[in-house]
C-alpha atoms as a PDB file:
ATOM      1  CA  MET A   1       0.000   0.000   0.000  1.00  0.00           C
ATOM      2  CA  ASN A   2       2.845   2.345   0.838  1.00  0.00           C
ATOM      3  CA  GLU A   3       4.357   1.938  -2.634  1.00  0.00           C
ATOM      4  CA  LEU A   4       1.022   2.598  -4.330  1.00  0.00           C
ATOM      5  CA  TYR A   5       0.398   5.674  -2.194  1.00  0.00           C
ATOM      6  CA  ASN A   6       3.901   7.030  -2.863  1.00  0.00           C
ATOM      7  CA  TYR A   7       3.448   6.355  -6.575  1.00  0.00           C
ATOM      8  CA  LEU A   8       0.179   8.280  -6.617  1.00  0.00           C
ATOM      9  CA  ILE A   9       1.436  11.324  -4.744  1.00  0.00           C
ATOM     10  CA  SER A  10       4.511  11.487  -6.992  1.00  0.00           C
ATOM     11  CA  THR A  11       2.454  11.582 -10.211  1.00  0.00           C
ATOM     12  CA  ASP A  12      -0.037  14.015 -11.697  1.00  0.00           C
ATOM     13  CA  PRO A  13      -3.651  12.898 -11.150  1.00  0.00           C
ATOM     14  CA  THR A  14      -4.527  13.787 -14.751  1.00  0.00           C
ATOM     15  CA  LEU A  15      -2.146  11.083 -16.007  1.00  0.00           C
ATOM     16  CA  HIS A  16      -4.391   8.330 -14.607  1.00  0.00           C
ATOM     17  CA  GLN A  17      -7.513   7.064 -16.364  1.00  0.00           C
ATOM     18  CA  ASN A  18     -10.715   6.621 -14.371  1.00  0.00           C
ATOM     19  CA  GLY A  19     -10.499   2.829 -14.660  1.00  0.00           C
ATOM     20  CA  SER A  20      -7.037   2.900 -13.099  1.00  0.00           C
ATOM     21  CA  LEU A  21      -8.261   5.160 -10.317  1.00  0.00           C
ATOM     22  CA  LEU A  22     -11.139   2.759  -9.610  1.00  0.00           C
ATOM     23  CA  PHE A  23      -8.626  -0.060  -9.347  1.00  0.00           C
ATOM     24  CA  TYR A  24      -6.287   1.982  -7.112  1.00  0.00           C
ATOM     25  CA  GLY A  25      -9.202   2.950  -4.867  1.00  0.00           C
ATOM     26  CA  PHE A  26     -10.192  -0.677  -4.486  1.00  0.00           C
ATOM     27  CA  LEU A  27      -6.589  -1.686  -3.699  1.00  0.00           C
ATOM     28  CA  ILE A  28      -6.058   1.056  -1.124  1.00  0.00           C
ATOM     29  CA  THR A  29      -9.229   0.188   0.774  1.00  0.00           C
ATOM     30  CA  LEU A  30      -8.556  -3.542   0.488  1.00  0.00           C
ATOM     31  CA  TYR A  31      -4.999  -3.167   1.819  1.00  0.00           C
ATOM     32  CA  ALA A  32      -6.037  -0.886   4.689  1.00  0.00           C
ATOM     33  CA  THR A  33      -8.882  -3.160   5.755  1.00  0.00           C
ATOM     34  CA  GLY A  34      -6.707  -6.243   5.314  1.00  0.00           C
ATOM     35  CA  ILE A  35      -3.998  -4.876   7.598  1.00  0.00           C
ATOM     36  CA  PHE A  36      -6.446  -4.553  10.478  1.00  0.00           C
ATOM     37  CA  ALA A  37      -8.208  -7.831   9.711  1.00  0.00           C
ATOM     38  CA  PHE A  38      -4.927  -9.746   9.680  1.00  0.00           C
ATOM     39  CA  ILE A  39      -3.818  -8.307  13.019  1.00  0.00           C
ATOM     40  CA  GLY A  40      -7.310  -8.980  14.435  1.00  0.00           C
ATOM     41  CA  PHE A  41      -7.027 -12.679  13.620  1.00  0.00           C
ATOM     42  CA  ALA A  42      -3.887 -12.937  15.749  1.00  0.00           C
ATOM     43  CA  TYR A  43      -4.562 -10.578  18.673  1.00  0.00           C
ATOM     44  CA  PRO A  44      -7.540  -9.312  20.710  1.00  0.00           C
ATOM     45  CA  THR A  45      -7.237  -5.890  19.074  1.00  0.00           C
ATOM     46  CA  TYR A  46     -10.611  -4.685  20.353  1.00  0.00           C
ATOM     47  CA  LYS A  47      -8.894  -4.060  23.719  1.00  0.00           C
ATOM     48  CA  ILE A  48      -6.963  -1.135  22.207  1.00  0.00           C
ATOM     49  CA  ILE A  49     -10.136   0.959  22.378  1.00  0.00           C
ATOM     50  CA  PRO A  50     -11.617   1.559  25.868  1.00  0.00           C
ATOM     51  CA  PRO A  51     -14.651  -0.608  26.788  1.00  0.00           C
ATOM     52  CA  PHE A  52     -17.022   2.383  26.876  1.00  0.00           C
ATOM     53  CA  TYR A  53     -16.638   2.717  23.082  1.00  0.00           C
ATOM     54  CA  TYR A  54     -18.357  -0.641  22.563  1.00  0.00           C
ATOM     55  CA  LYS A  55     -21.332   0.172  24.818  1.00  0.00           C
ATOM     56  CA  ILE A  56     -24.449   1.038  22.817  1.00  0.00           C
ATOM     57  CA  ASN A  57     -25.727   4.206  24.508  1.00  0.00           C
ATOM     58  CA  HIS A  58     -28.406   5.205  21.999  1.00  0.00           C
ATOM     59  CA  PRO A  59     -29.890   2.035  20.474  1.00  0.00           C
ATOM     60  CA  ILE A  60     -32.896   3.832  18.968  1.00  0.00           C
ATOM     61  CA  ARG A  61     -30.641   6.358  17.221  1.00  0.00           C
ATOM     62  CA  LEU A  62     -28.396   3.520  15.996  1.00  0.00           C
ATOM     63  CA  LYS A  63     -31.409   1.708  14.540  1.00  0.00           C
ATOM     64  CA  LYS A  64     -32.737   4.863  12.847  1.00  0.00           C
ATOM     65  CA  ILE A  65     -29.381   5.716  11.267  1.00  0.00           C
ATOM     66  CA  SER A  66     -28.901   2.130  10.154  1.00  0.00           C
ATOM     67  CA  LYS A  67     -32.370   2.069   8.617  1.00  0.00           C
ATOM     68  CA  ILE A  68     -31.804   5.353   6.769  1.00  0.00           C
ATOM     69  CA  LEU A  69     -28.483   4.079   5.387  1.00  0.00           C
ATOM     70  CA  GLY A  70     -29.972   0.730   4.406  1.00  0.00           C
ATOM     71  CA  VAL A  71     -27.710  -1.416   6.565  1.00  0.00           C
ATOM     72  CA  HIS A  72     -30.365  -4.161   6.450  1.00  0.00           C
ATOM     73  CA  TYR A  73     -29.680  -4.520   2.695  1.00  0.00           C
ATOM     74  CA  PHE A  74     -25.977  -4.872   3.447  1.00  0.00           C
ATOM     75  CA  ARG A  75     -26.792  -7.530   6.059  1.00  0.00           C
ATOM     76  CA  TYR A  76     -28.961  -9.356   3.545  1.00  0.00           C
ATOM     77  CA  LEU A  77     -26.134  -9.347   0.965  1.00  0.00           C
ATOM     78  CA  LEU A  78     -23.744 -10.761   3.570  1.00  0.00           C
ATOM     79  CA  MET A  79     -26.229 -13.494   4.412  1.00  0.00           C
ATOM     80  CA  ILE A  80     -26.533 -14.468   0.756  1.00  0.00           C
ATOM     81  CA  ALA A  81     -22.816 -14.248  -0.012  1.00  0.00           C
ATOM     82  CA  PHE A  82     -21.233 -15.758   3.084  1.00  0.00           C
ATOM     83  CA  TRP A  83     -23.188 -16.093   6.308  1.00  0.00           C
ATOM     84  CA  GLY A  84     -26.088 -18.000   4.775  1.00  0.00           C
ATOM     85  CA  HIS A  85     -24.186 -21.242   5.285  1.00  0.00           C
ATOM     86  CA  LYS A  86     -24.906 -22.720   8.715  1.00  0.00           C
ATOM     87  CA  LYS A  87     -21.288 -23.887   9.034  1.00  0.00           C
ATOM     88  CA  ASN A  88     -20.026 -20.298   8.717  1.00  0.00           C
ATOM     89  CA  ARG A  89     -22.515 -18.964  11.274  1.00  0.00           C
ATOM     90  CA  LYS A  90     -21.650 -21.663  13.843  1.00  0.00           C
ATOM     91  CA  LYS A  91     -18.071 -20.338  14.009  1.00  0.00           C
ATOM     92  CA  TYR A  92     -19.445 -17.211  15.661  1.00  0.00           C
ATOM     93  CA  PHE A  93     -22.536 -18.383  17.486  1.00  0.00           C
ATOM     94  CA  ASN A  94     -23.391 -21.969  18.363  1.00  0.00           C
ATOM     95  CA  GLY A  95     -26.566 -21.300  20.382  1.00  0.00           C
ATOM     96  CA  THR A  96     -25.013 -21.493  23.877  1.00  0.00           C
ATOM     97  CA  LYS A  97     -24.136 -18.866  26.511  1.00  0.00           C
ATOM     98  CA  ASN A  98     -20.470 -19.333  25.618  1.00  0.00           C
ATOM     99  CA  GLY A  99     -21.453 -18.935  21.980  1.00  0.00           C
ATOM    100  CA  LEU A 100     -23.120 -15.643  22.852  1.00  0.00           C
ATOM    101  CA  ASN A 101     -19.932 -14.465  24.578  1.00  0.00           C
ATOM    102  CA  ASN A 102     -17.896 -15.535  21.551  1.00  0.00           C
ATOM    103  CA  PHE A 103     -20.271 -13.695  19.224  1.00  0.00           C
ATOM    104  CA  ASN A 104     -19.930 -10.560  21.367  1.00  0.00           C
ATOM    105  CA  TYR A 105     -16.122 -10.894  21.208  1.00  0.00           C
ATOM    106  CA  GLN A 106     -16.246 -11.351  17.421  1.00  0.00           C
ATOM    107  CA  THR A 107     -18.403  -8.238  16.973  1.00  0.00           C
ATOM    108  CA  LYS A 108     -15.860  -6.167  18.901  1.00  0.00           C
ATOM    109  CA  GLN A 109     -12.928  -7.625  16.960  1.00  0.00           C
ATOM    110  CA  SER A 110     -14.678  -6.981  13.668  1.00  0.00           C
ATOM    111  CA  GLU A 111     -15.753  -3.488  14.634  1.00  0.00           C
ATOM    112  CA  PHE A 112     -12.244  -2.535  15.721  1.00  0.00           C
ATOM    113  CA  GLY A 113     -10.791  -3.839  12.451  1.00  0.00           C
ATOM    114  CA  HIS A 114     -13.262  -1.884  10.348  1.00  0.00           C
ATOM    115  CA  PHE A 115     -12.938   1.217  12.546  1.00  0.00           C
ATOM    116  CA  GLY A 116      -9.137   1.198  12.308  1.00  0.00           C
ATOM    117  CA  ALA A 117      -9.286   0.710   8.549  1.00  0.00           C
ATOM    118  CA  MET A 118     -11.866   3.477   8.182  1.00  0.00           C
ATOM    119  CA  VAL A 119      -9.694   5.950  10.098  1.00  0.00           C
ATOM    120  CA  LEU A 120      -6.555   4.966   8.152  1.00  0.00           C
ATOM    121  CA  ILE A 121      -8.397   5.388   4.847  1.00  0.00           C
ATOM    122  CA  LEU A 122      -9.697   8.807   5.953  1.00  0.00           C
ATOM    123  CA  VAL A 123      -6.152   9.923   6.789  1.00  0.00           C
ATOM    124  CA  LEU A 124      -4.867   8.657   3.429  1.00  0.00           C
ATOM    125  CA  SER A 125      -7.758  10.455   1.717  1.00  0.00           C
ATOM    126  CA  PHE A 126      -6.699  13.815   3.153  1.00  0.00           C
ATOM    127  CA  GLY A 127      -3.239  13.295   1.675  1.00  0.00           C
ATOM    128  CA  LEU A 128      -4.760  12.394  -1.686  1.00  0.00           C
ATOM    129  CA  ILE A 129      -6.966  15.505  -1.595  1.00  0.00           C
ATOM    130  CA  TYR A 130      -3.832  17.579  -1.054  1.00  0.00           C
ATOM    131  CA  TYR A 131      -2.403  16.070  -4.268  1.00  0.00           C
ATOM    132  CA  LYS A 132      -5.701  16.736  -6.112  1.00  0.00           C
ATOM    133  CA  TYR A 133      -6.864  13.119  -6.464  1.00  0.00           C
ATOM    134  CA  TYR A 134     -10.503  14.142  -6.036  1.00  0.00           C
ATOM    135  CA  PHE A 135     -12.055  11.344  -8.100  1.00  0.00           C
ATOM    136  CA  LEU A 136      -9.925   8.732  -6.328  1.00  0.00           C
ATOM    137  CA  VAL A 137     -10.974  10.109  -2.935  1.00  0.00           C
ATOM    138  CA  LEU A 138     -14.614   9.923  -4.023  1.00  0.00           C
ATOM    139  CA  ILE A 139     -14.122   6.252  -4.942  1.00  0.00           C
ATOM    140  CA  ILE A 140     -12.248   5.491  -1.717  1.00  0.00           C
ATOM    141  CA  THR A 141     -14.914   7.248   0.350  1.00  0.00           C
ATOM    142  CA  PHE A 142     -17.708   5.228  -1.258  1.00  0.00           C
ATOM    143  CA  ILE A 143     -15.838   1.949  -0.741  1.00  0.00           C
ATOM    144  CA  ASN A 144     -14.945   2.999   2.818  1.00  0.00           C
ATOM    145  CA  ILE A 145     -18.600   3.629   3.649  1.00  0.00           C
ATOM    146  CA  VAL A 146     -19.771   0.295   2.261  1.00  0.00           C
ATOM    147  CA  GLY A 147     -16.730  -1.718   3.331  1.00  0.00           C
ATOM    148  CA  ASN A 148     -16.121  -0.257   6.781  1.00  0.00           C
ATOM    149  CA  LEU A 149     -18.902   2.016   8.056  1.00  0.00           C
ATOM    150  CA  TYR A 150     -21.709  -0.430   7.227  1.00  0.00           C
ATOM    151  CA  PRO A 151     -19.936  -3.332   8.977  1.00  0.00           C
ATOM    152  CA  ILE A 152     -19.336  -1.110  12.028  1.00  0.00           C
ATOM    153  CA  LEU A 153     -23.027  -0.259  12.217  1.00  0.00           C
ATOM    154  CA  LEU A 154     -23.962  -3.905  11.692  1.00  0.00           C
ATOM    155  CA  GLN A 155     -21.671  -5.058  14.523  1.00  0.00           C
ATOM    156  CA  ARG A 156     -23.152  -2.424  16.818  1.00  0.00           C
ATOM    157  CA  LEU A 157     -26.660  -3.643  15.937  1.00  0.00           C
ATOM    158  CA  HIS A 158     -25.565  -7.195  16.751  1.00  0.00           C
ATOM    159  CA  ARG A 159     -24.168  -6.095  20.115  1.00  0.00           C
ATOM    160  CA  GLU A 160     -27.363  -4.237  20.948  1.00  0.00           C
ATOM    161  CA  ARG A 161     -29.315  -7.458  20.370  1.00  0.00           C
ATOM    162  CA  ILE A 162     -26.739  -9.471  22.342  1.00  0.00           C
ATOM    163  CA  SER A 163     -27.079  -6.994  25.218  1.00  0.00           C
ATOM    164  CA  LYS A 164     -30.853  -7.541  25.331  1.00  0.00           C
ATOM    165  CA  LEU A 165     -30.350 -11.317  25.420  1.00  0.00           C
ATOM    166  CA  THR A 166     -27.705 -11.227  28.149  1.00  0.00           C
ATOM    167  CA  ASP A 167     -29.890  -8.879  30.233  1.00  0.00           C
ATOM    168  CA  ARG A 168     -32.790 -11.350  29.921  1.00  0.00           C
ATOM    169  CA  ILE A 169     -30.551 -14.267  30.901  1.00  0.00           C
ATOM    170  CA  ARG A 170     -29.173 -12.356  33.903  1.00  0.00           C
ATOM    171  CA  ASN A 171     -32.656 -11.325  35.093  1.00  0.00           C
ATOM    172  CA  LYS A 172     -34.067 -14.877  35.091  1.00  0.00           C
END
């Protein structure tokens, strides 16, 4: 990613065709997200952010924003593409209390990975704006919203539902 970024800032934006910029935008967001995903597979990275970040303070607002942005369509696409297979879902939640704890852990890990990638991509975007890569930044921003913001909102929605379940279990 570093080489691609250095290449871009050392060349004139007008020298690149739109198709190339689409490809570069995809690569930049893929690399940034991949960096955080890879680290998240090896370490409990969610602990880097304080616990209060993961608490859902305004669940109604979260649901309204998610509905306006169409996060339910994103969830549906994920279900069709990957999570629709029972085997894949069981890795995260197997129907037990421990499974619920694991699912909660996975939502935090995933959210941290997407949050870190989103911030990194935003920082890179400011540098690209400085070098007048406006179309590339537009592409990166769109991919960043779909590839990182939507998953963050989805993980927060999952945790809000998990919180309701754990409260019910505790109050029995």
